[in-house]
N, C-alpha and C. Protein backbone atom coordinates (compact mmCIF):
# COMPACT_ATOMS: atom_id res chain seq x y z
N MET A 1 74.91 0.14 182.83
CA MET A 1 74.37 -0.38 181.66
C MET A 1 74.88 0.17 180.45
N ALA A 2 75.69 -0.35 179.56
CA ALA A 2 76.13 0.19 178.38
C ALA A 2 75.06 0.61 177.30
N SER A 3 75.32 1.72 176.73
CA SER A 3 74.16 2.22 175.69
C SER A 3 74.48 1.41 174.48
N LYS A 4 73.39 1.21 173.63
CA LYS A 4 73.61 0.57 172.40
C LYS A 4 74.29 1.15 171.30
N ALA A 5 74.35 2.66 171.40
CA ALA A 5 75.31 3.37 170.44
C ALA A 5 76.72 3.17 170.76
N GLY A 6 76.94 3.04 172.09
CA GLY A 6 78.27 2.70 172.61
C GLY A 6 78.90 1.46 172.13
N GLY A 7 78.14 0.43 172.29
CA GLY A 7 78.51 -0.85 171.83
C GLY A 7 78.75 -0.97 170.33
N ILE A 8 77.80 -0.29 169.57
CA ILE A 8 78.24 -0.25 168.18
C ILE A 8 79.47 0.64 167.72
N ALA A 9 79.79 1.42 168.51
CA ALA A 9 81.21 2.37 168.24
C ALA A 9 82.11 1.40 168.78
N VAL A 10 82.06 0.62 169.63
CA VAL A 10 83.17 -0.20 170.10
C VAL A 10 83.30 -1.30 168.86
N LEU A 11 82.38 -1.74 168.39
CA LEU A 11 82.39 -2.98 167.32
C LEU A 11 83.12 -2.32 165.96
N VAL A 12 82.54 -0.96 165.75
CA VAL A 12 83.07 -0.32 164.49
C VAL A 12 84.74 0.03 164.72
N LEU A 13 85.02 0.33 165.91
CA LEU A 13 86.64 0.50 166.23
C LEU A 13 87.28 -0.75 166.17
N PHE A 14 86.81 -1.78 166.65
CA PHE A 14 87.32 -3.01 166.81
C PHE A 14 87.44 -3.47 165.26
N GLY A 15 86.48 -3.34 164.50
CA GLY A 15 86.67 -3.73 163.13
C GLY A 15 87.63 -3.04 162.26
N LEU A 16 87.63 -1.78 162.58
CA LEU A 16 88.81 -0.85 161.83
C LEU A 16 90.06 -1.41 162.17
N ALA A 17 90.32 -1.62 163.54
CA ALA A 17 91.62 -2.04 164.06
C ALA A 17 92.08 -3.28 163.31
N ALA A 18 91.04 -4.23 163.17
CA ALA A 18 91.17 -5.52 162.46
C ALA A 18 91.77 -5.33 161.13
N ILE A 19 90.95 -4.42 160.40
CA ILE A 19 91.36 -4.24 158.99
C ILE A 19 92.70 -3.51 158.96
N GLY A 20 93.00 -2.54 159.82
CA GLY A 20 94.27 -1.89 159.69
C GLY A 20 95.41 -2.71 159.99
N SER A 21 95.24 -3.85 160.59
CA SER A 21 96.27 -4.81 161.19
C SER A 21 96.58 -5.94 160.10
N ALA A 22 95.60 -6.05 159.16
CA ALA A 22 95.76 -7.07 158.19
C ALA A 22 96.95 -6.81 157.36
N ASP A 23 97.44 -7.75 156.70
CA ASP A 23 98.48 -7.82 155.51
C ASP A 23 98.26 -6.81 154.58
N SER A 24 98.80 -5.77 154.27
CA SER A 24 98.40 -4.88 153.16
C SER A 24 99.23 -5.03 152.01
N GLY A 25 99.92 -6.13 152.03
CA GLY A 25 100.74 -6.45 150.87
C GLY A 25 99.94 -7.50 149.85
N CYS A 26 100.64 -8.14 149.08
CA CYS A 26 99.96 -8.82 147.99
C CYS A 26 100.75 -10.19 147.74
N ASP A 27 100.33 -11.02 147.40
CA ASP A 27 100.94 -12.44 147.07
C ASP A 27 102.25 -12.20 146.23
N ASN A 28 103.13 -12.92 146.69
CA ASN A 28 104.39 -12.78 145.93
C ASN A 28 104.63 -13.93 144.74
N GLY A 29 103.35 -14.52 144.29
CA GLY A 29 103.40 -15.41 143.47
C GLY A 29 103.56 -16.80 143.66
N ASN A 30 103.83 -17.14 144.92
CA ASN A 30 104.11 -18.60 145.25
C ASN A 30 102.83 -19.14 146.10
N GLY A 31 101.88 -18.25 146.26
CA GLY A 31 100.57 -18.55 146.84
C GLY A 31 100.63 -18.38 148.42
N ASP A 32 101.74 -17.97 149.02
CA ASP A 32 101.66 -17.84 150.56
C ASP A 32 101.09 -16.59 150.95
N GLY A 33 100.86 -15.63 150.15
CA GLY A 33 100.13 -14.35 150.49
C GLY A 33 101.04 -13.52 151.38
N ASP A 34 102.48 -13.62 151.58
CA ASP A 34 103.04 -12.99 152.61
C ASP A 34 103.96 -11.68 152.13
N PHE A 35 103.72 -11.45 150.80
CA PHE A 35 104.66 -10.23 150.27
C PHE A 35 104.15 -9.01 150.77
N ASP A 36 104.71 -8.01 151.44
CA ASP A 36 104.21 -6.76 151.86
C ASP A 36 104.78 -5.74 150.99
N PHE A 37 104.09 -5.08 150.19
CA PHE A 37 104.54 -4.02 149.27
C PHE A 37 105.10 -2.85 150.10
N ASP A 38 104.59 -2.57 151.34
CA ASP A 38 104.97 -1.33 152.17
C ASP A 38 106.38 -1.53 152.82
N SER A 39 106.81 -2.85 152.91
CA SER A 39 108.31 -3.10 153.39
C SER A 39 109.14 -3.34 152.25
N ALA A 40 108.84 -3.57 150.88
CA ALA A 40 109.84 -3.90 149.95
C ALA A 40 110.46 -2.51 149.56
N SER A 41 111.57 -2.72 148.82
CA SER A 41 112.35 -1.49 148.16
C SER A 41 111.80 -1.30 147.04
N THR A 42 111.85 -0.07 146.60
CA THR A 42 111.55 0.69 145.36
C THR A 42 112.51 0.30 144.35
N CYS A 43 112.22 -0.10 143.18
CA CYS A 43 113.12 -0.36 142.07
C CYS A 43 113.85 0.81 141.85
N ASP A 44 115.11 0.94 141.91
CA ASP A 44 116.07 2.23 141.70
C ASP A 44 116.96 2.06 140.27
N ASP A 45 116.70 0.96 139.72
CA ASP A 45 117.69 0.77 138.59
C ASP A 45 117.18 -0.32 137.83
N VAL A 46 118.03 -0.99 136.98
CA VAL A 46 117.77 -1.96 136.17
C VAL A 46 118.83 -3.04 136.43
N VAL A 47 118.37 -4.45 136.49
CA VAL A 47 119.29 -5.70 136.84
C VAL A 47 119.13 -6.55 135.46
N VAL A 48 120.22 -7.31 135.29
CA VAL A 48 120.14 -8.47 134.27
C VAL A 48 119.98 -9.81 135.05
N VAL A 49 118.99 -10.39 134.64
CA VAL A 49 118.84 -11.78 135.52
C VAL A 49 118.86 -13.01 134.43
N GLU A 50 119.30 -14.10 134.92
CA GLU A 50 119.50 -15.20 134.03
C GLU A 50 118.33 -16.25 134.53
N THR A 51 117.69 -16.75 133.25
CA THR A 51 116.86 -17.75 133.41
C THR A 51 116.88 -18.91 132.39
N ALA A 52 116.08 -19.82 132.55
CA ALA A 52 116.41 -21.20 131.68
C ALA A 52 116.16 -20.72 130.24
N SER A 53 115.20 -19.56 129.94
CA SER A 53 114.95 -19.14 128.60
C SER A 53 115.82 -18.07 128.01
N GLY A 54 116.90 -17.51 128.73
CA GLY A 54 117.48 -16.80 128.55
C GLY A 54 117.80 -15.34 129.58
N ASN A 55 118.71 -14.34 129.16
CA ASN A 55 118.92 -13.25 130.02
C ASN A 55 117.84 -12.18 129.78
N ALA A 56 117.59 -11.57 130.79
CA ALA A 56 116.65 -10.45 130.60
C ALA A 56 116.98 -9.23 131.52
N GLN A 57 116.57 -8.04 131.00
CA GLN A 57 116.85 -6.93 131.88
C GLN A 57 115.36 -6.59 132.55
N VAL A 58 115.30 -6.54 133.91
CA VAL A 58 114.12 -6.24 134.74
C VAL A 58 114.40 -5.11 135.62
N PRO A 59 113.34 -4.34 136.20
CA PRO A 59 113.59 -3.51 137.08
C PRO A 59 114.14 -4.26 138.34
N GLY A 60 115.08 -3.32 139.04
CA GLY A 60 115.70 -4.10 140.30
C GLY A 60 116.04 -2.91 141.22
N ASP A 61 116.55 -3.46 142.34
CA ASP A 61 117.08 -2.72 143.44
C ASP A 61 118.55 -2.86 143.58
N THR A 62 119.42 -2.01 142.99
CA THR A 62 120.75 -2.24 142.92
C THR A 62 121.46 -2.04 144.21
N SER A 63 120.76 -1.65 145.38
CA SER A 63 121.33 -1.62 146.65
C SER A 63 121.59 -3.07 147.30
N LEU A 64 120.65 -3.90 146.57
CA LEU A 64 120.68 -5.35 147.23
C LEU A 64 121.33 -6.41 146.13
N ILE A 65 122.13 -5.89 145.30
CA ILE A 65 122.70 -6.77 144.02
C ILE A 65 122.79 -8.22 144.84
N GLY A 66 122.09 -9.11 144.53
CA GLY A 66 122.06 -10.33 144.75
C GLY A 66 120.76 -11.08 144.23
N ASP A 67 120.58 -12.26 144.59
CA ASP A 67 119.31 -12.92 144.10
C ASP A 67 117.95 -12.18 144.29
N ASP A 68 117.82 -11.51 145.46
CA ASP A 68 116.50 -10.77 145.42
C ASP A 68 116.36 -9.40 145.20
N SER A 69 117.49 -8.86 144.58
CA SER A 69 117.23 -7.49 144.07
C SER A 69 116.30 -7.31 142.96
N ALA A 70 115.83 -8.33 142.38
CA ALA A 70 114.62 -8.03 141.34
C ALA A 70 113.37 -8.07 142.11
N SER A 71 113.20 -8.06 143.66
CA SER A 71 112.09 -8.29 144.25
C SER A 71 111.65 -6.82 144.77
N CYS A 72 111.81 -5.90 143.96
CA CYS A 72 111.37 -4.38 144.26
C CYS A 72 110.06 -4.27 143.73
N VAL A 73 109.58 -3.06 144.13
CA VAL A 73 107.93 -2.63 143.76
C VAL A 73 108.15 -1.07 143.21
N MET A 74 106.93 -0.94 142.31
CA MET A 74 106.84 0.16 141.94
C MET A 74 105.24 0.36 141.86
N ARG A 75 104.78 1.72 142.04
CA ARG A 75 103.45 1.99 141.85
C ARG A 75 103.28 3.28 141.21
N GLU A 76 101.91 3.53 140.69
CA GLU A 76 101.93 4.66 140.00
C GLU A 76 102.35 6.13 140.73
N GLY A 77 103.00 6.91 140.48
CA GLY A 77 103.79 8.09 140.69
C GLY A 77 105.00 7.80 141.37
N GLY A 78 105.56 6.56 141.23
CA GLY A 78 106.79 6.22 141.80
C GLY A 78 107.53 5.37 140.90
N GLY A 79 108.75 5.00 141.42
CA GLY A 79 109.75 4.35 140.56
C GLY A 79 110.90 5.12 140.06
N ASP A 80 111.91 4.64 139.86
CA ASP A 80 113.27 4.97 139.16
C ASP A 80 112.79 5.15 137.54
N GLU A 81 113.19 6.23 137.02
CA GLU A 81 113.01 6.50 135.52
C GLU A 81 113.44 5.20 134.66
N GLN A 82 114.66 4.86 134.85
CA GLN A 82 115.24 3.57 134.07
C GLN A 82 114.36 2.41 134.45
N ALA A 83 114.04 1.99 135.59
CA ALA A 83 113.38 0.95 135.98
C ALA A 83 111.96 1.06 135.34
N VAL A 84 111.34 2.18 135.34
CA VAL A 84 110.01 2.31 134.66
C VAL A 84 110.06 2.09 133.20
N VAL A 85 111.17 2.57 132.53
CA VAL A 85 111.37 2.34 131.10
C VAL A 85 111.61 0.93 130.81
N VAL A 86 112.35 0.35 131.71
CA VAL A 86 112.33 -1.33 131.22
C VAL A 86 110.95 -1.95 131.49
N LEU A 87 110.32 -1.62 132.29
CA LEU A 87 108.87 -2.14 132.62
C LEU A 87 107.96 -1.80 131.47
N GLN A 88 107.97 -0.40 131.04
CA GLN A 88 107.23 -0.12 129.89
C GLN A 88 107.61 -0.83 128.50
N THR A 89 109.03 -0.93 128.33
CA THR A 89 109.38 -1.60 127.03
C THR A 89 108.67 -3.06 127.23
N ALA A 90 108.98 -3.79 128.43
CA ALA A 90 108.48 -4.98 128.32
C ALA A 90 107.02 -5.29 128.28
N LEU A 91 106.06 -4.33 128.65
CA LEU A 91 104.76 -4.27 128.52
C LEU A 91 104.42 -4.14 127.16
N VAL A 92 105.24 -3.40 126.37
CA VAL A 92 104.91 -2.99 124.95
C VAL A 92 105.57 -4.20 124.13
N ARG A 93 106.70 -4.61 124.21
CA ARG A 93 107.41 -5.69 123.35
C ARG A 93 106.91 -7.11 123.70
N CYS A 94 106.71 -7.46 124.89
CA CYS A 94 106.46 -8.75 125.25
C CYS A 94 105.22 -9.20 125.89
N ASN A 95 104.26 -8.21 126.11
CA ASN A 95 102.97 -8.34 126.97
C ASN A 95 101.83 -7.75 126.26
N GLY A 96 102.06 -7.24 124.83
CA GLY A 96 100.98 -6.75 124.08
C GLY A 96 100.40 -5.57 124.54
N GLN A 97 100.86 -4.82 125.44
CA GLN A 97 100.18 -3.43 125.85
C GLN A 97 100.56 -2.30 125.09
N SER A 98 99.72 -1.43 125.07
CA SER A 98 99.92 -0.15 124.51
C SER A 98 100.07 0.94 125.42
N VAL A 99 101.46 1.27 125.64
CA VAL A 99 101.75 2.39 126.73
C VAL A 99 102.84 2.98 126.35
N GLY A 100 102.99 4.35 126.51
CA GLY A 100 104.01 5.04 126.06
C GLY A 100 105.16 4.74 126.91
N VAL A 101 106.61 4.63 126.20
CA VAL A 101 107.77 4.46 126.98
C VAL A 101 108.55 5.84 127.31
N ASP A 102 108.07 6.36 128.50
CA ASP A 102 108.57 7.72 128.95
C ASP A 102 109.25 7.80 130.25
N GLY A 103 109.20 6.61 130.98
CA GLY A 103 109.79 6.52 132.26
C GLY A 103 108.95 7.19 133.19
N ASP A 104 107.66 7.40 133.26
CA ASP A 104 106.70 7.93 134.01
C ASP A 104 105.69 6.73 134.35
N TYR A 105 105.65 6.37 135.59
CA TYR A 105 104.65 5.39 136.04
C TYR A 105 103.44 6.02 136.28
N GLY A 106 102.59 6.47 135.17
CA GLY A 106 101.36 7.23 135.39
C GLY A 106 100.29 6.28 135.25
N ALA A 107 99.17 6.74 135.07
CA ALA A 107 97.93 6.05 134.96
C ALA A 107 97.91 4.92 133.87
N ASP A 108 98.41 5.47 132.66
CA ASP A 108 98.51 4.53 131.69
C ASP A 108 99.44 3.22 131.66
N THR A 109 100.64 3.31 132.52
CA THR A 109 101.24 2.42 132.87
C THR A 109 100.66 1.22 134.05
N SER A 110 99.94 2.10 134.88
CA SER A 110 99.35 1.25 136.01
C SER A 110 98.28 0.57 135.28
N ARG A 111 97.55 1.10 134.33
CA ARG A 111 96.50 0.26 133.48
C ARG A 111 97.04 -0.84 132.78
N ALA A 112 98.05 -0.62 132.18
CA ALA A 112 98.84 -1.80 131.23
C ALA A 112 99.15 -2.93 132.32
N VAL A 113 99.68 -2.54 133.35
CA VAL A 113 100.23 -3.74 134.40
C VAL A 113 98.85 -4.27 134.95
N MET A 114 97.83 -3.58 135.25
CA MET A 114 96.71 -4.07 135.64
C MET A 114 96.06 -5.17 134.58
N ASN A 115 96.15 -4.89 133.49
CA ASN A 115 95.79 -5.84 132.19
C ASN A 115 96.48 -7.08 132.06
N VAL A 116 97.86 -6.88 132.34
CA VAL A 116 98.72 -8.25 132.40
C VAL A 116 98.44 -9.14 133.60
N GLN A 117 98.10 -8.17 134.79
CA GLN A 117 97.71 -9.01 135.99
C GLN A 117 96.57 -9.77 135.84
N GLN A 118 95.48 -9.25 135.25
CA GLN A 118 94.29 -9.75 134.95
C GLN A 118 94.41 -10.85 134.02
N GLN A 119 95.15 -10.76 133.20
CA GLN A 119 95.31 -11.95 131.98
C GLN A 119 95.84 -13.17 132.54
N HIS A 120 96.79 -12.90 133.75
CA HIS A 120 97.38 -14.09 134.46
C HIS A 120 96.87 -14.40 135.74
N GLY A 121 95.75 -13.79 135.96
CA GLY A 121 94.78 -14.25 137.14
C GLY A 121 95.60 -13.97 138.57
N ILE A 122 96.40 -12.96 138.56
CA ILE A 122 96.88 -12.49 139.75
C ILE A 122 96.08 -11.13 140.34
N THR A 123 96.44 -10.77 141.47
CA THR A 123 95.79 -9.58 142.00
C THR A 123 95.97 -8.48 140.99
N ALA A 124 95.02 -7.84 140.60
CA ALA A 124 95.03 -6.83 139.55
C ALA A 124 94.97 -5.30 140.15
N ASP A 125 96.14 -4.82 140.72
CA ASP A 125 96.10 -3.51 141.56
C ASP A 125 96.82 -2.62 140.65
N GLY A 126 97.56 -2.90 139.66
CA GLY A 126 98.43 -1.84 138.64
C GLY A 126 99.59 -1.57 139.43
N ALA A 127 99.98 -2.16 140.54
CA ALA A 127 101.40 -2.19 141.16
C ALA A 127 102.16 -3.06 140.63
N TYR A 128 103.37 -2.80 140.27
CA TYR A 128 104.47 -3.82 140.00
C TYR A 128 105.16 -4.47 141.18
N GLY A 129 105.11 -5.72 141.25
CA GLY A 129 105.96 -6.25 142.27
C GLY A 129 106.38 -7.67 141.92
N PRO A 130 106.92 -8.68 142.79
CA PRO A 130 107.38 -9.91 142.44
C PRO A 130 106.24 -10.85 141.63
N ALA A 131 105.24 -10.70 142.24
CA ALA A 131 104.02 -11.53 141.32
C ALA A 131 103.89 -11.08 139.92
N THR A 132 103.99 -9.62 139.62
CA THR A 132 103.84 -9.31 138.02
C THR A 132 105.04 -9.65 137.50
N LEU A 133 106.42 -9.40 138.25
CA LEU A 133 107.67 -10.00 137.53
C LEU A 133 107.46 -11.40 137.01
N GLU A 134 107.05 -12.15 137.81
CA GLU A 134 107.03 -13.76 137.47
C GLU A 134 106.07 -14.05 136.32
N VAL A 135 105.03 -13.38 135.98
CA VAL A 135 104.13 -13.55 134.93
C VAL A 135 104.40 -12.77 133.79
N MET A 136 105.22 -11.80 133.76
CA MET A 136 105.29 -11.00 132.50
C MET A 136 106.51 -11.61 131.66
N GLY A 137 106.51 -11.46 130.27
CA GLY A 137 107.55 -11.61 129.40
C GLY A 137 108.35 -10.51 129.41
N TRP A 138 109.84 -10.78 129.10
CA TRP A 138 110.65 -9.67 129.23
C TRP A 138 111.71 -9.52 128.12
N PRO A 139 111.99 -8.54 127.55
CA PRO A 139 112.92 -8.48 126.41
C PRO A 139 114.36 -9.06 126.90
N GLY A 140 114.63 -10.10 126.10
CA GLY A 140 115.99 -10.69 126.21
C GLY A 140 117.09 -9.76 126.00
N THR A 141 118.41 -10.03 126.27
CA THR A 141 119.42 -9.30 126.16
C THR A 141 120.26 -9.86 124.79
N GLY A 142 119.68 -10.95 124.33
CA GLY A 142 120.22 -11.39 123.22
C GLY A 142 119.69 -11.06 121.96
N ALA A 143 119.03 -11.88 121.11
CA ALA A 143 118.69 -11.73 119.96
C ALA A 143 117.34 -10.96 119.50
N GLY A 144 116.88 -10.41 120.70
CA GLY A 144 115.60 -9.49 120.42
C GLY A 144 114.48 -10.18 121.04
N GLY A 145 114.40 -11.57 121.26
CA GLY A 145 113.28 -12.26 121.70
C GLY A 145 112.77 -11.84 123.23
N CYS A 146 111.74 -12.52 123.58
CA CYS A 146 111.11 -12.20 124.99
C CYS A 146 111.52 -13.52 125.91
N VAL A 147 111.82 -13.15 127.09
CA VAL A 147 112.27 -14.26 128.06
C VAL A 147 111.03 -14.42 129.16
N THR A 148 110.75 -15.53 129.50
CA THR A 148 109.73 -15.85 130.44
C THR A 148 110.65 -16.68 131.64
N GLY A 149 109.91 -16.94 132.59
CA GLY A 149 110.32 -17.55 133.94
C GLY A 149 111.13 -16.84 134.77
N VAL A 150 111.00 -15.35 134.69
CA VAL A 150 111.83 -14.60 135.57
C VAL A 150 111.28 -14.62 136.72
N SER A 151 111.94 -14.73 138.02
CA SER A 151 111.26 -14.53 139.38
C SER A 151 112.21 -13.48 140.24
N ALA A 152 111.90 -13.39 141.47
CA ALA A 152 112.62 -12.52 142.33
C ALA A 152 113.75 -13.31 142.71
N GLY A 153 113.95 -14.57 142.64
CA GLY A 153 115.06 -15.34 143.02
C GLY A 153 115.91 -15.67 141.89
N SER A 154 115.52 -15.15 140.71
CA SER A 154 116.54 -15.32 139.51
C SER A 154 117.91 -14.83 139.78
N THR A 155 118.99 -15.48 139.29
CA THR A 155 120.22 -15.05 139.32
C THR A 155 120.60 -13.59 138.58
N VAL A 156 121.05 -12.90 139.56
CA VAL A 156 121.44 -11.67 138.80
C VAL A 156 122.96 -11.67 138.36
N ILE A 157 122.99 -11.25 137.17
CA ILE A 157 124.25 -11.41 136.53
C ILE A 157 125.08 -9.99 136.32
N GLU A 158 124.24 -9.10 136.15
CA GLU A 158 124.75 -7.70 136.07
C GLU A 158 124.02 -6.75 137.00
């Protein structure tokens, strides 16, 4: 006969295993919930993408130059300095956030990203990824305006 404490321990372990096996990523912006931050590449530079509203510089993974090179991720304490500067510039110029443009993805940048995420109704975790890319405005490469409609699948031109 199994003890009550033993049964509870089995249930707790089973519950923890189920939690650990769940997708720890977040939605990629298209509603399917299958984007996994842990397997995505870290933004290591900046790419220029083409959209219907103009060209914009966005954080990118230059080792993947192609349509999905803009599907990189950054979190507090990480990210290439140039990629973080582009993100911070976009937060200030096109998204109404107050954050220093210093290339450091610190608590202030995480908070600013979280504010943008909340404003657009996506998971507000302070981490930058494809869903955040899609909802943000980005400085255009032309006359200084902001560009919208950027996605991980936007055509990379530089």
